[in-house]
Amino acid sequence: MTSVAESLSSWRASLLPNIPIGGLLSRNPTVYKWKAPFRCWLLREAALWRQTDLLTQSLSLHEQGHGLGARILLRSGFETFAALLYLNYNMKAVLDGQLDFHAFGELTTRLVVGAKNDPDRPVAVNVITMIDKGEKKYPGLRSLYGHLSESAHPNFEGMMWGYSKVDHDLYETNFSNRWMDLHGASHLGDLEICIKVFHHEYNDVWPELMASLEDWIVLNDARLEEGRASNAENEPPPVK
């Protein structure tokens, strides 16, 4: 079994079946009366479920010789990684005093329930915004994601390069499925990169930030309550 397959097997065994609200309230009632930290848990665990699903399928397609589908799923895997990293980035911004906690709450709503095709939902965060934040911490992420995106789109690489090759001697273009020839040798390495960086953000970065955020909320709870009351007073009256 490859290291990629072993990692994914370990992830599948660790997937949480649920997050009981009562358990979080027992953990810290002051912290979890606020919705933002609860959403942080939701996003973290949903990201692991999605990442496990995407990368398992990407590996399976690669093993079956379906190179394009494997790359498209890996591209979605890096987007999922970027969403978790973006959450971690903004948790740290709250702790560093660079982001208002109530604004962070609105951001977690966009991350958890945001959409691009439903006007009744908050607007989802643009994936390129999240990828660009990741580039600052993991140089090369933007380039790798860009190459995967070119494969996913019907541009030159996704169409002509993936399915044709010019024979300059015979002056003809020959068609074939070239994806495994082009990227098959590098796919497992790229999968491993995605697994490693996601694991670090999930298993190392997020728990430390969450513990610090919980402590921060307890220390600032009174001020946060005042801010919530002030925001409520400034809200426009409901339309009748």
Protein backbone atom coordinates (compact mmCIF):
# COMPACT_ATOMS: atom_id res chain seq x y z
CA MET A 1 0.00 0.00 0.00
CA THR A 2 1.35 3.44 -0.94
CA SER A 3 1.82 6.18 1.66
CA VAL A 4 -1.07 8.02 -0.01
CA ALA A 5 -3.38 5.04 0.41
CA GLU A 6 -2.24 4.54 3.99
CA SER A 7 -2.91 8.18 4.85
CA LEU A 8 -6.38 8.08 3.31
CA SER A 9 -7.18 4.86 5.15
CA SER A 10 -6.16 6.51 8.42
CA TRP A 11 -8.35 9.52 7.62
CA ARG A 12 -11.37 7.35 6.91
CA ALA A 13 -10.97 5.64 10.29
CA SER A 14 -10.88 9.01 12.09
CA LEU A 15 -13.91 10.72 10.49
CA LEU A 16 -16.27 12.13 13.13
CA PRO A 17 -19.85 10.88 12.80
CA ASN A 18 -21.33 13.94 14.56
CA ILE A 19 -20.62 17.07 16.60
CA PRO A 20 -23.11 17.32 19.49
CA ILE A 21 -23.88 20.90 20.46
CA GLY A 22 -24.39 19.75 24.04
CA GLY A 23 -20.85 18.44 24.12
CA LEU A 24 -19.43 21.78 23.00
CA LEU A 25 -21.54 23.65 25.57
CA SER A 26 -20.21 21.30 28.24
CA ARG A 27 -16.68 21.95 26.97
CA ASN A 28 -17.11 25.71 27.49
CA PRO A 29 -20.56 27.33 27.79
CA THR A 30 -19.13 30.85 27.51
CA VAL A 31 -17.40 30.11 24.22
CA TYR A 32 -20.10 28.05 22.56
CA LYS A 33 -22.97 30.39 23.18
CA TRP A 34 -21.32 32.10 20.19
CA LYS A 35 -21.97 30.52 16.79
CA ALA A 36 -18.60 31.31 15.21
CA PRO A 37 -16.53 28.74 17.15
CA PHE A 38 -19.20 26.10 16.52
CA ARG A 39 -18.94 26.82 12.79
CA CYS A 40 -15.17 26.43 13.07
CA TRP A 41 -15.72 22.86 14.22
CA LEU A 42 -18.26 22.23 11.48
CA LEU A 43 -15.98 23.48 8.74
CA ARG A 44 -12.97 21.55 10.00
CA GLU A 45 -14.76 18.21 10.13
CA ALA A 46 -16.70 18.72 6.89
CA ALA A 47 -13.39 19.58 5.21
CA LEU A 48 -11.88 16.28 6.35
CA TRP A 49 -14.91 14.33 5.09
CA ARG A 50 -14.75 16.10 1.72
CA GLN A 51 -10.98 15.81 1.43
CA THR A 52 -11.02 12.11 2.21
CA ASP A 53 -13.72 11.55 -0.40
CA LEU A 54 -12.03 13.63 -3.10
CA LEU A 55 -8.53 12.24 -2.69
CA THR A 56 -9.72 8.64 -2.36
CA GLN A 57 -11.52 9.00 -5.67
CA SER A 58 -8.55 10.78 -7.23
CA LEU A 59 -6.26 7.92 -6.24
CA SER A 60 -8.74 5.35 -7.53
CA LEU A 61 -9.06 7.06 -10.91
CA HIS A 62 -5.28 7.35 -11.17
CA GLU A 63 -4.89 3.64 -10.50
CA GLN A 64 -7.45 2.91 -13.23
CA GLY A 65 -5.60 5.10 -15.72
CA HIS A 66 -8.14 7.94 -15.75
CA GLY A 67 -5.66 10.79 -15.53
CA LEU A 68 -7.91 13.78 -16.25
CA GLY A 69 -10.55 12.90 -13.68
CA ALA A 70 -7.82 12.23 -11.13
CA ARG A 71 -6.38 15.72 -11.67
CA ILE A 72 -9.75 17.46 -11.53
CA LEU A 73 -10.51 15.81 -8.19
CA LEU A 74 -7.06 16.72 -6.89
CA ARG A 75 -7.71 20.33 -7.89
CA SER A 76 -10.86 20.25 -5.73
CA GLY A 77 -8.74 18.75 -2.97
CA PHE A 78 -6.44 21.76 -2.99
CA GLU A 79 -9.49 24.04 -2.88
CA THR A 80 -10.73 22.16 0.18
CA PHE A 81 -7.33 22.53 1.80
CA ALA A 82 -7.43 26.25 1.01
CA ALA A 83 -10.82 26.63 2.72
CA LEU A 84 -9.47 25.13 5.95
CA LEU A 85 -6.32 27.22 5.72
CA TYR A 86 -8.42 30.35 5.15
CA LEU A 87 -10.41 29.59 8.29
CA ASN A 88 -7.18 29.16 10.24
CA TYR A 89 -5.78 32.38 8.79
CA ASN A 90 -8.79 34.36 9.97
CA MET A 91 -8.88 32.72 13.40
CA LYS A 92 -5.33 33.96 13.87
CA ALA A 93 -6.36 37.40 12.61
CA VAL A 94 -8.94 37.61 15.42
CA LEU A 95 -6.32 36.62 18.00
CA ASP A 96 -3.87 39.19 16.60
CA GLY A 97 -6.47 41.97 16.77
CA GLN A 98 -6.58 42.33 12.98
CA LEU A 99 -10.16 41.10 12.51
CA ASP A 100 -13.25 42.01 14.52
CA PHE A 101 -14.83 38.97 16.14
CA HIS A 102 -18.31 39.81 14.87
CA ALA A 103 -16.94 40.21 11.33
CA PHE A 104 -15.26 36.84 11.81
CA GLY A 105 -18.65 35.41 12.74
CA GLU A 106 -20.10 36.65 9.47
CA LEU A 107 -17.14 35.18 7.60
CA THR A 108 -17.67 31.75 9.17
CA THR A 109 -21.28 31.92 8.01
CA ARG A 110 -20.09 32.52 4.44
CA LEU A 111 -17.62 29.65 4.71
CA VAL A 112 -20.18 27.20 6.09
CA VAL A 113 -23.37 28.06 4.20
CA GLY A 114 -22.22 30.43 1.44
CA ALA A 115 -23.26 29.84 -2.16
CA LYS A 116 -22.76 31.35 -5.60
CA ASN A 117 -26.05 30.22 -7.12
CA ASP A 118 -28.58 31.02 -4.38
CA PRO A 119 -29.44 34.69 -3.73
CA ASP A 120 -31.03 33.76 -0.41
CA ARG A 121 -27.72 32.53 0.98
CA PRO A 122 -24.61 34.52 1.97
CA VAL A 123 -22.08 34.90 -0.84
CA ALA A 124 -19.44 32.18 -0.72
CA VAL A 125 -15.79 33.21 -0.38
CA ASN A 126 -14.01 33.18 -3.74
CA VAL A 127 -11.72 30.17 -3.97
CA ILE A 128 -8.90 32.22 -5.53
CA THR A 129 -8.96 34.47 -2.46
CA MET A 130 -8.37 31.40 -0.31
CA ILE A 131 -5.69 30.00 -2.62
CA ASP A 132 -3.83 33.33 -2.59
CA LYS A 133 -3.78 33.35 1.23
CA GLY A 134 -2.39 29.84 1.08
CA GLU A 135 0.35 30.91 -1.33
CA LYS A 136 1.79 33.22 1.34
CA LYS A 137 2.28 30.29 3.69
CA TYR A 138 2.95 27.56 1.14
CA PRO A 139 4.86 29.09 -1.81
CA GLY A 140 4.13 27.21 -5.00
CA LEU A 141 0.51 26.44 -4.12
CA ARG A 142 -0.82 29.00 -6.59
CA SER A 143 1.30 27.57 -9.42
CA LEU A 144 0.33 23.96 -8.69
CA TYR A 145 -3.34 24.91 -8.47
CA GLY A 146 -3.01 26.84 -11.73
CA HIS A 147 -1.61 23.81 -13.56
CA LEU A 148 -4.42 21.62 -12.26
CA SER A 149 -6.95 24.25 -13.33
CA GLU A 150 -5.56 24.33 -16.86
CA SER A 151 -6.20 20.59 -17.04
CA ALA A 152 -9.75 21.06 -15.76
CA HIS A 153 -10.65 23.80 -18.24
CA PRO A 154 -11.19 23.42 -22.01
CA ASN A 155 -8.17 25.60 -22.75
CA PHE A 156 -5.10 24.51 -24.75
CA GLU A 157 -3.91 21.99 -22.16
CA GLY A 158 -7.36 20.69 -21.30
CA MET A 159 -8.29 20.14 -24.95
CA MET A 160 -5.49 20.06 -27.52
CA TRP A 161 -2.53 19.09 -25.35
CA GLY A 162 -4.48 16.44 -23.45
CA TYR A 163 -5.89 14.75 -26.55
CA SER A 164 -3.69 15.47 -29.53
CA LYS A 165 -0.11 15.53 -30.74
CA VAL A 166 1.28 17.00 -33.93
CA ASP A 167 3.49 14.86 -36.15
CA HIS A 168 5.60 17.50 -37.85
CA ASP A 169 7.20 15.00 -40.25
CA LEU A 170 3.88 13.77 -41.61
CA TYR A 171 2.07 17.11 -41.21
CA GLU A 172 -0.81 15.61 -39.30
CA THR A 173 -2.41 15.75 -35.88
CA ASN A 174 -2.99 12.47 -34.08
CA PHE A 175 -5.60 12.10 -31.35
CA SER A 176 -5.35 9.99 -28.19
CA ASN A 177 -5.92 10.23 -24.46
CA ARG A 178 -2.55 11.52 -23.23
CA TRP A 179 -3.29 12.36 -19.59
CA MET A 180 -1.46 9.47 -17.97
CA ASP A 181 1.54 10.01 -20.25
CA LEU A 182 1.61 13.70 -19.37
CA HIS A 183 0.94 13.62 -15.63
CA GLY A 184 0.68 10.03 -14.44
CA ALA A 185 4.23 9.96 -13.04
CA SER A 186 3.72 13.10 -10.94
CA HIS A 187 0.19 12.51 -9.67
CA LEU A 188 1.00 10.49 -6.56
CA GLY A 189 3.56 13.10 -5.52
CA ASP A 190 1.01 15.89 -5.91
CA LEU A 191 -1.54 13.85 -3.96
CA GLU A 192 0.99 13.43 -1.18
CA ILE A 193 1.62 17.17 -1.06
CA CYS A 194 -2.11 17.82 -0.72
CA ILE A 195 -2.41 15.25 2.06
CA LYS A 196 0.58 16.61 4.00
CA VAL A 197 -0.43 20.27 3.96
CA PHE A 198 -4.06 19.48 4.78
CA HIS A 199 -3.00 17.20 7.63
CA HIS A 200 -0.79 19.96 9.04
CA GLU A 201 -3.55 22.57 8.96
CA TYR A 202 -6.13 20.11 10.35
CA ASN A 203 -4.08 18.29 12.96
CA ASP A 204 -1.47 20.85 14.08
CA VAL A 205 -2.58 24.39 13.26
CA TRP A 206 -6.34 24.27 13.87
CA PRO A 207 -6.33 22.69 17.38
CA GLU A 208 -3.81 25.21 18.68
CA LEU A 209 -5.72 28.12 17.20
CA MET A 210 -9.04 26.85 18.53
CA ALA A 211 -7.67 26.48 22.06
CA SER A 212 -6.30 30.03 21.87
CA LEU A 213 -9.55 31.36 20.42
CA GLU A 214 -11.56 29.74 23.23
CA ASP A 215 -9.32 31.40 25.82
CA TRP A 216 -9.57 34.71 23.97
CA ILE A 217 -13.38 34.59 23.88
CA VAL A 218 -13.57 33.91 27.62
CA LEU A 219 -11.31 36.89 28.36
CA ASN A 220 -13.21 39.20 26.01
CA ASP A 221 -16.74 37.91 26.50
CA ALA A 222 -18.10 41.04 28.19
CA ARG A 223 -16.77 43.29 25.45
CA LEU A 224 -18.10 40.97 22.78
CA GLU A 225 -21.55 41.08 24.38
CA GLU A 226 -21.45 44.88 24.31
CA GLY A 227 -20.50 44.74 20.63
CA ARG A 228 -23.36 42.39 19.89
CA ALA A 229 -25.82 44.72 21.63
CA SER A 230 -24.42 47.71 19.75
CA ASN A 231 -24.72 45.91 16.42
CA ALA A 232 -28.30 44.96 17.22
CA GLU A 233 -29.18 48.60 18.01
CA ASN A 234 -27.73 49.76 14.69
CA GLU A 235 -29.61 47.22 12.60
CA PRO A 236 -32.39 48.70 10.46
CA PRO A 237 -35.98 47.92 11.49
CA PRO A 238 -37.54 44.92 9.78
CA VAL A 239 -39.62 45.54 6.68
CA LYS A 240 -43.33 45.12 7.41
